[in-house]
Amino acid sequence: MFKGLRGKFSGLFGGKNGEEIRGSEFIQNVYEALLESDVSLEAAERISSALSKKIPDQKKRQPTESFKASLYDTIMEFLNVVRSNTWDMLQGESPFKVLFLGINGTGKTTTIAKIAKFLTERNRRVVIAASDTFRAGAIDQISYQGERVGVKVIKHQPGSDPSAVAYDAIEHAKSRGIDYVLIDTAGRMQNNINLREEMKKIKRVTSPNLTILVIDSMAANDVMEQSKTFSKEIGFDGIIVTKLDTDARGGSILTIASELKKPIMFIGTGQNPDDLIEFSPEWMIKKMLPEDLQFSS
């Protein structure tokens, strides 16, 4: 995980012990390392700019070692922007309704099952709404995932009104004292006006307590514009980043943190229901930076 970014950062300090470099050169090297690690151009520019403010005399040649604390603190600064208290975000009136957004292929359905398991392990009762009714396969998939974690799935026939499915799931929860309703949605609304309007309708009908955007770490740069469309057109409160176990370059989290500035609640690290961990900047930076850079000034 993150071998690319970790290796690039390590390489910044890989010369002879005590080797000196101008601060401006070091900043440029960091900028290039970020780009080569799949950080977006905009995010790399923001991070480099923040780093430059921590190196006041950029023309002076200094040992590369002297820049370690500045790099660490800059990366932590960006990770802290998306720090969240996940459990607090999941608290509220019962039934607590969570609406999930995300384009096809992000692992949204698997993620919903993971969240269901996360909640049931904390003695909460959960029901899932199969509100992606545009594909019969989507209903089958969420049904399978619900069965996998022992959670009931409310579903209608393919092609039925997604909002009606969500409404029925909420009523089911109310009548049975169920704590959480997790609502799946179609995954093609980023470039389809009708489907975006359908998502808006689901949100109006359900009045969710929390709306979560699911993003595939391997395609984070490619979906930034779509993510911004979700933010503008529908709105979301938090983010779950999936497939981090396959993100060899490692720059996606920094792109997401820099460009979306929304709390990252969880990260997915595999296909199994247990492959979900709460986001922690401290955990993340240990994966991004070599051990000798894991300190704070």
Protein backbone atom coordinates (compact mmCIF):
# COMPACT_ATOMS: atom_id res chain seq x y z
CA MET A 1 0.00 0.00 0.00
CA PHE A 2 1.31 3.45 -1.03
CA LYS A 3 4.71 2.09 -2.05
CA GLY A 4 4.98 4.67 -4.79
CA LEU A 5 4.44 7.74 -2.61
CA ARG A 6 6.49 6.31 0.22
CA GLY A 7 9.35 5.57 -2.16
CA LYS A 8 9.22 9.02 -3.74
CA PHE A 9 9.33 10.75 -0.36
CA SER A 10 12.18 8.49 0.74
CA GLY A 11 14.06 9.42 -2.41
CA LEU A 12 13.95 13.09 -1.49
CA PHE A 13 16.37 12.30 1.33
CA GLY A 14 18.28 9.51 -0.35
CA GLY A 15 21.51 11.38 -1.13
CA LYS A 16 24.69 11.55 0.88
CA ASN A 17 24.31 12.32 4.57
CA GLY A 18 24.35 16.08 5.05
CA GLU A 19 23.81 16.82 1.35
CA GLU A 20 22.61 20.40 0.93
CA ILE A 21 19.91 21.73 -1.36
CA ARG A 22 18.08 25.00 -1.77
CA GLY A 23 14.62 25.16 -0.26
CA SER A 24 13.13 26.08 -3.63
CA GLU A 25 14.66 22.95 -5.18
CA PHE A 26 13.33 20.77 -2.39
CA ILE A 27 9.82 22.18 -2.89
CA GLN A 28 10.04 21.50 -6.61
CA ASN A 29 11.21 17.93 -5.91
CA VAL A 30 8.24 17.39 -3.60
CA TYR A 31 5.90 18.77 -6.27
CA GLU A 32 7.26 16.34 -8.86
CA ALA A 33 7.12 13.42 -6.40
CA LEU A 34 3.45 14.17 -5.73
CA LEU A 35 2.58 14.26 -9.42
CA GLU A 36 4.42 11.00 -10.02
CA SER A 37 2.44 9.44 -7.16
CA ASP A 38 -0.93 10.19 -8.78
CA VAL A 39 -1.69 13.36 -6.82
CA SER A 40 -3.72 15.73 -9.00
CA LEU A 41 -2.08 18.84 -10.42
CA GLU A 42 -4.26 21.14 -8.31
CA ALA A 43 -3.58 19.21 -5.11
CA ALA A 44 0.17 19.04 -5.79
CA GLU A 45 0.22 22.81 -6.26
CA ARG A 46 -1.67 23.41 -3.01
CA ILE A 47 0.58 21.07 -1.02
CA SER A 48 3.74 22.60 -2.51
CA SER A 49 2.46 26.09 -1.73
CA ALA A 50 1.74 25.11 1.89
CA LEU A 51 5.21 23.57 2.15
CA SER A 52 6.84 26.74 0.82
CA LYS A 53 5.33 28.71 3.71
CA LYS A 54 7.19 26.45 6.14
CA ILE A 55 10.55 27.11 4.41
CA PRO A 56 11.08 30.87 4.68
CA ASP A 57 14.58 31.20 3.19
CA GLN A 58 14.23 29.19 0.01
CA LYS A 59 17.44 30.42 -1.64
CA LYS A 60 19.63 29.19 1.21
CA ARG A 61 21.26 25.79 0.81
CA GLN A 62 20.45 23.51 3.74
CA PRO A 63 20.91 19.82 4.54
CA THR A 64 17.98 17.85 3.18
CA GLU A 65 17.47 16.51 6.71
CA SER A 66 16.37 19.99 7.79
CA PHE A 67 13.26 19.76 5.58
CA LYS A 68 11.87 16.57 7.12
CA ALA A 69 9.72 18.25 9.76
CA SER A 70 8.32 20.73 7.23
CA LEU A 71 7.27 17.92 4.89
CA TYR A 72 5.72 15.88 7.69
CA ASP A 73 3.77 18.83 9.06
CA THR A 74 2.54 19.85 5.61
CA ILE A 75 1.18 16.38 4.81
CA MET A 76 -0.45 16.16 8.24
CA GLU A 77 -2.01 19.56 7.71
CA PHE A 78 -3.86 18.26 4.65
CA LEU A 79 -4.84 14.97 6.27
CA ASN A 80 -6.17 16.78 9.33
CA VAL A 81 -8.56 18.78 7.14
CA VAL A 82 -10.51 15.57 6.47
CA ARG A 83 -10.23 14.12 9.98
CA SER A 84 -13.60 13.04 11.37
CA ASN A 85 -15.18 11.56 14.44
CA THR A 86 -16.89 8.78 12.55
CA TRP A 87 -19.07 7.50 15.35
CA ASP A 88 -20.33 11.00 16.14
CA MET A 89 -21.30 11.44 12.50
CA LEU A 90 -23.39 8.28 12.72
CA GLN A 91 -25.41 9.44 15.73
CA GLY A 92 -28.90 10.92 15.60
CA GLU A 93 -32.58 10.24 15.66
CA SER A 94 -33.82 6.72 15.05
CA PRO A 95 -34.12 5.43 12.43
CA PHE A 96 -30.90 7.11 11.34
CA LYS A 97 -30.94 7.28 7.54
CA VAL A 98 -27.72 7.06 5.53
CA LEU A 99 -27.81 7.76 1.79
CA PHE A 100 -24.92 6.37 -0.27
CA LEU A 101 -23.76 7.99 -3.54
CA GLY A 102 -21.08 6.87 -5.95
CA ILE A 103 -20.51 5.96 -9.57
CA ASN A 104 -20.57 2.36 -10.73
CA GLY A 105 -17.46 0.38 -9.90
CA THR A 106 -16.46 2.24 -6.75
CA GLY A 107 -17.41 -0.64 -4.46
CA LYS A 108 -20.46 1.17 -3.08
CA THR A 109 -22.57 -1.95 -2.58
CA THR A 110 -19.78 -3.81 -0.81
CA THR A 111 -19.16 -0.73 1.31
CA ILE A 112 -22.81 -0.60 2.41
CA ALA A 113 -22.50 -4.18 3.65
CA LYS A 114 -19.31 -3.25 5.51
CA ILE A 115 -21.07 -0.33 7.22
CA ALA A 116 -23.97 -2.62 8.11
CA LYS A 117 -21.53 -5.01 9.75
CA PHE A 118 -19.77 -2.12 11.52
CA LEU A 119 -23.11 -1.09 13.02
CA THR A 120 -24.42 -4.55 13.90
CA GLU A 121 -21.18 -5.30 15.72
CA ARG A 122 -22.04 -2.31 17.92
CA ASN A 123 -25.44 -3.84 18.71
CA ARG A 124 -27.38 -1.64 16.30
CA ARG A 125 -30.21 -2.99 14.16
CA VAL A 126 -29.91 -2.24 10.45
CA VAL A 127 -31.99 -2.52 7.28
CA ILE A 128 -30.82 -1.85 3.71
CA ALA A 129 -32.88 -0.21 0.94
CA ALA A 130 -32.15 -1.54 -2.57
CA SER A 131 -32.86 1.81 -4.26
CA ASP A 132 -30.73 1.15 -7.32
CA THR A 133 -33.69 -0.24 -9.25
CA PHE A 134 -32.38 0.52 -12.72
CA ARG A 135 -30.43 -2.73 -12.90
CA ALA A 136 -31.74 -6.10 -11.80
CA GLY A 137 -28.13 -7.04 -11.13
CA ALA A 138 -27.80 -4.22 -8.63
CA ILE A 139 -30.76 -5.53 -6.63
CA ASP A 140 -29.31 -9.04 -6.67
CA GLN A 141 -25.91 -7.72 -5.60
CA ILE A 142 -27.17 -5.73 -2.62
CA SER A 143 -29.39 -8.67 -1.63
CA TYR A 144 -26.35 -10.94 -1.63
CA GLN A 145 -24.32 -8.48 0.40
CA GLY A 146 -27.13 -8.04 2.91
CA GLU A 147 -27.42 -11.80 3.35
CA ARG A 148 -23.66 -11.99 3.74
CA VAL A 149 -23.75 -9.76 6.84
CA GLY A 150 -27.13 -10.92 8.14
CA VAL A 151 -29.08 -7.73 7.37
CA LYS A 152 -32.52 -7.57 5.76
CA VAL A 153 -32.81 -5.84 2.37
CA ILE A 154 -36.02 -4.07 1.34
CA LYS A 155 -36.45 -4.33 -2.42
CA HIS A 156 -39.00 -3.90 -5.21
CA GLN A 157 -39.06 -5.09 -8.80
CA PRO A 158 -36.44 -3.76 -11.25
CA GLY A 159 -37.56 -0.47 -12.76
CA SER A 160 -39.69 0.54 -9.78
CA ASP A 161 -39.47 3.94 -8.11
CA PRO A 162 -36.20 4.13 -6.10
CA SER A 163 -37.72 6.65 -3.69
CA ALA A 164 -40.58 4.27 -2.93
CA VAL A 165 -38.09 1.54 -1.99
CA ALA A 166 -36.27 3.90 0.35
CA TYR A 167 -39.56 5.09 1.86
CA ASP A 168 -40.68 1.52 2.49
CA ALA A 169 -37.37 0.69 4.15
CA ILE A 170 -37.74 3.68 6.45
CA GLU A 171 -41.31 2.71 7.36
CA HIS A 172 -40.13 -0.85 7.97
CA ALA A 173 -37.47 0.48 10.34
CA LYS A 174 -39.93 2.71 12.18
CA SER A 175 -42.43 -0.09 12.72
CA ARG A 176 -39.80 -2.48 14.05
CA GLY A 177 -37.58 -0.18 16.07
CA ILE A 178 -34.62 -0.57 13.71
CA ASP A 179 -31.79 1.89 14.33
CA TYR A 180 -30.32 2.46 10.86
CA VAL A 181 -31.53 2.53 7.24
CA LEU A 182 -28.73 2.28 4.65
CA ILE A 183 -29.91 3.42 1.21
CA ASP A 184 -28.20 2.24 -1.97
CA THR A 185 -28.56 4.34 -5.14
CA ALA A 186 -27.85 4.13 -8.85
CA GLY A 187 -24.30 4.84 -9.90
CA ARG A 188 -24.56 6.67 -13.20
CA MET A 189 -25.93 10.05 -12.16
CA GLN A 190 -22.69 11.95 -12.64
CA ASN A 191 -23.38 12.32 -16.38
CA ASN A 192 -27.12 11.70 -16.59
CA ILE A 193 -29.47 14.55 -15.73
CA ASN A 194 -32.47 12.26 -15.18
CA LEU A 195 -30.61 10.09 -12.72
CA ARG A 196 -29.23 13.11 -10.88
CA GLU A 197 -32.78 14.34 -10.51
CA GLU A 198 -33.73 10.89 -9.19
CA MET A 199 -31.04 11.19 -6.53
CA LYS A 200 -32.40 14.60 -5.56
CA LYS A 201 -35.87 13.09 -5.27
CA ILE A 202 -34.62 10.26 -3.04
CA LYS A 203 -32.96 12.83 -0.83
CA ARG A 204 -36.15 14.90 -0.61
CA VAL A 205 -38.29 11.86 0.19
CA THR A 206 -35.95 10.32 2.76
CA SER A 207 -34.40 13.43 4.38
CA PRO A 208 -31.25 11.46 5.21
CA ASN A 209 -29.35 12.21 8.38
CA LEU A 210 -26.10 11.55 6.57
CA THR A 211 -25.12 11.39 2.90
CA ILE A 212 -21.89 9.58 2.04
CA LEU A 213 -19.95 9.64 -1.23
CA VAL A 214 -18.02 6.46 -2.03
CA ILE A 215 -14.84 7.02 -4.07
CA ASP A 216 -12.51 4.44 -5.64
CA SER A 217 -8.94 5.37 -4.66
CA MET A 218 -7.63 3.93 -7.93
CA ALA A 219 -9.73 6.37 -9.95
CA ALA A 220 -9.75 9.35 -7.59
CA ASN A 221 -8.23 11.80 -10.08
CA ASP A 222 -10.60 10.66 -12.83
CA VAL A 223 -13.72 11.15 -10.70
CA MET A 224 -12.86 14.48 -9.08
CA GLU A 225 -15.12 16.41 -11.44
CA GLN A 226 -17.94 13.92 -10.92
CA SER A 227 -17.41 14.19 -7.17
CA LYS A 228 -17.71 17.95 -7.38
CA THR A 229 -20.94 17.46 -9.34
CA PHE A 230 -22.27 15.27 -6.52
CA SER A 231 -21.32 18.01 -4.07
CA LYS A 232 -23.00 20.76 -6.08
CA GLU A 233 -26.09 18.94 -7.30
CA ILE A 234 -26.93 16.61 -4.42
CA GLY A 235 -24.59 17.35 -1.53
CA PHE A 236 -22.80 14.95 0.77
CA ASP A 237 -21.47 15.05 4.31
CA GLY A 238 -18.66 12.52 4.34
CA ILE A 239 -16.52 10.25 2.19
CA ILE A 240 -15.54 6.59 2.16
CA VAL A 241 -12.48 5.74 0.06
CA THR A 242 -12.36 2.19 -1.26
CA LYS A 243 -9.69 -0.15 -2.66
CA LEU A 244 -6.81 1.45 -0.78
CA ASP A 245 -5.16 -1.97 -0.66
CA THR A 246 -4.63 -1.77 -4.43
CA ASP A 247 -3.50 1.88 -4.53
CA ALA A 248 0.23 1.39 -5.14
CA ARG A 249 1.01 5.02 -5.94
CA GLY A 250 -0.80 6.37 -2.91
CA GLY A 251 -1.66 9.93 -3.94
CA SER A 252 -5.44 9.60 -4.02
CA ILE A 253 -6.05 10.48 -0.38
CA LEU A 254 -4.10 13.72 -0.75
CA THR A 255 -6.08 14.59 -3.87
CA ILE A 256 -9.38 13.91 -2.11
CA ALA A 257 -8.32 15.81 1.01
CA SER A 258 -7.16 18.82 -0.98
CA GLU A 259 -9.98 19.08 -3.49
CA LEU A 260 -13.12 17.93 -1.67
CA LYS A 261 -12.34 18.99 1.92
CA LYS A 262 -15.03 16.71 3.33
CA PRO A 263 -14.53 14.33 6.28
CA ILE A 264 -13.15 10.93 5.29
CA MET A 265 -15.01 8.50 7.52
CA PHE A 266 -13.69 5.10 6.48
CA ILE A 267 -11.27 3.49 4.08
CA GLY A 268 -11.83 0.14 2.42
CA THR A 269 -8.91 -2.26 2.26
CA GLY A 270 -10.40 -5.34 0.60
CA GLN A 271 -13.54 -7.20 -0.46
CA ASN A 272 -14.45 -8.87 2.83
CA PRO A 273 -16.99 -7.35 5.24
CA ASP A 274 -14.24 -6.79 7.80
CA ASP A 275 -11.99 -4.89 5.38
CA LEU A 276 -13.01 -1.46 6.63
CA ILE A 277 -11.15 0.85 9.01
CA GLU A 278 -11.94 4.26 10.39
CA PHE A 279 -9.86 6.99 8.78
CA SER A 280 -6.98 8.25 10.89
CA PRO A 281 -4.42 10.83 9.71
CA GLU A 282 -1.85 9.26 12.04
CA TRP A 283 -2.39 5.81 10.52
CA MET A 284 -2.37 7.24 7.03
CA ILE A 285 0.86 9.18 7.33
CA LYS A 286 2.65 6.08 8.59
CA LYS A 287 1.71 4.42 5.31
CA MET A 288 2.77 7.41 3.22
CA LEU A 289 6.10 8.37 4.79
CA PRO A 290 9.26 6.33 5.48
CA GLU A 291 9.84 5.59 9.14
CA ASP A 292 12.53 8.23 9.56
CA LEU A 293 10.05 10.93 8.48
CA GLN A 294 7.31 9.91 10.91
CA PHE A 295 7.68 12.61 13.49
CA SER A 296 6.37 16.09 14.10
CA SER A 297 8.23 19.27 14.81
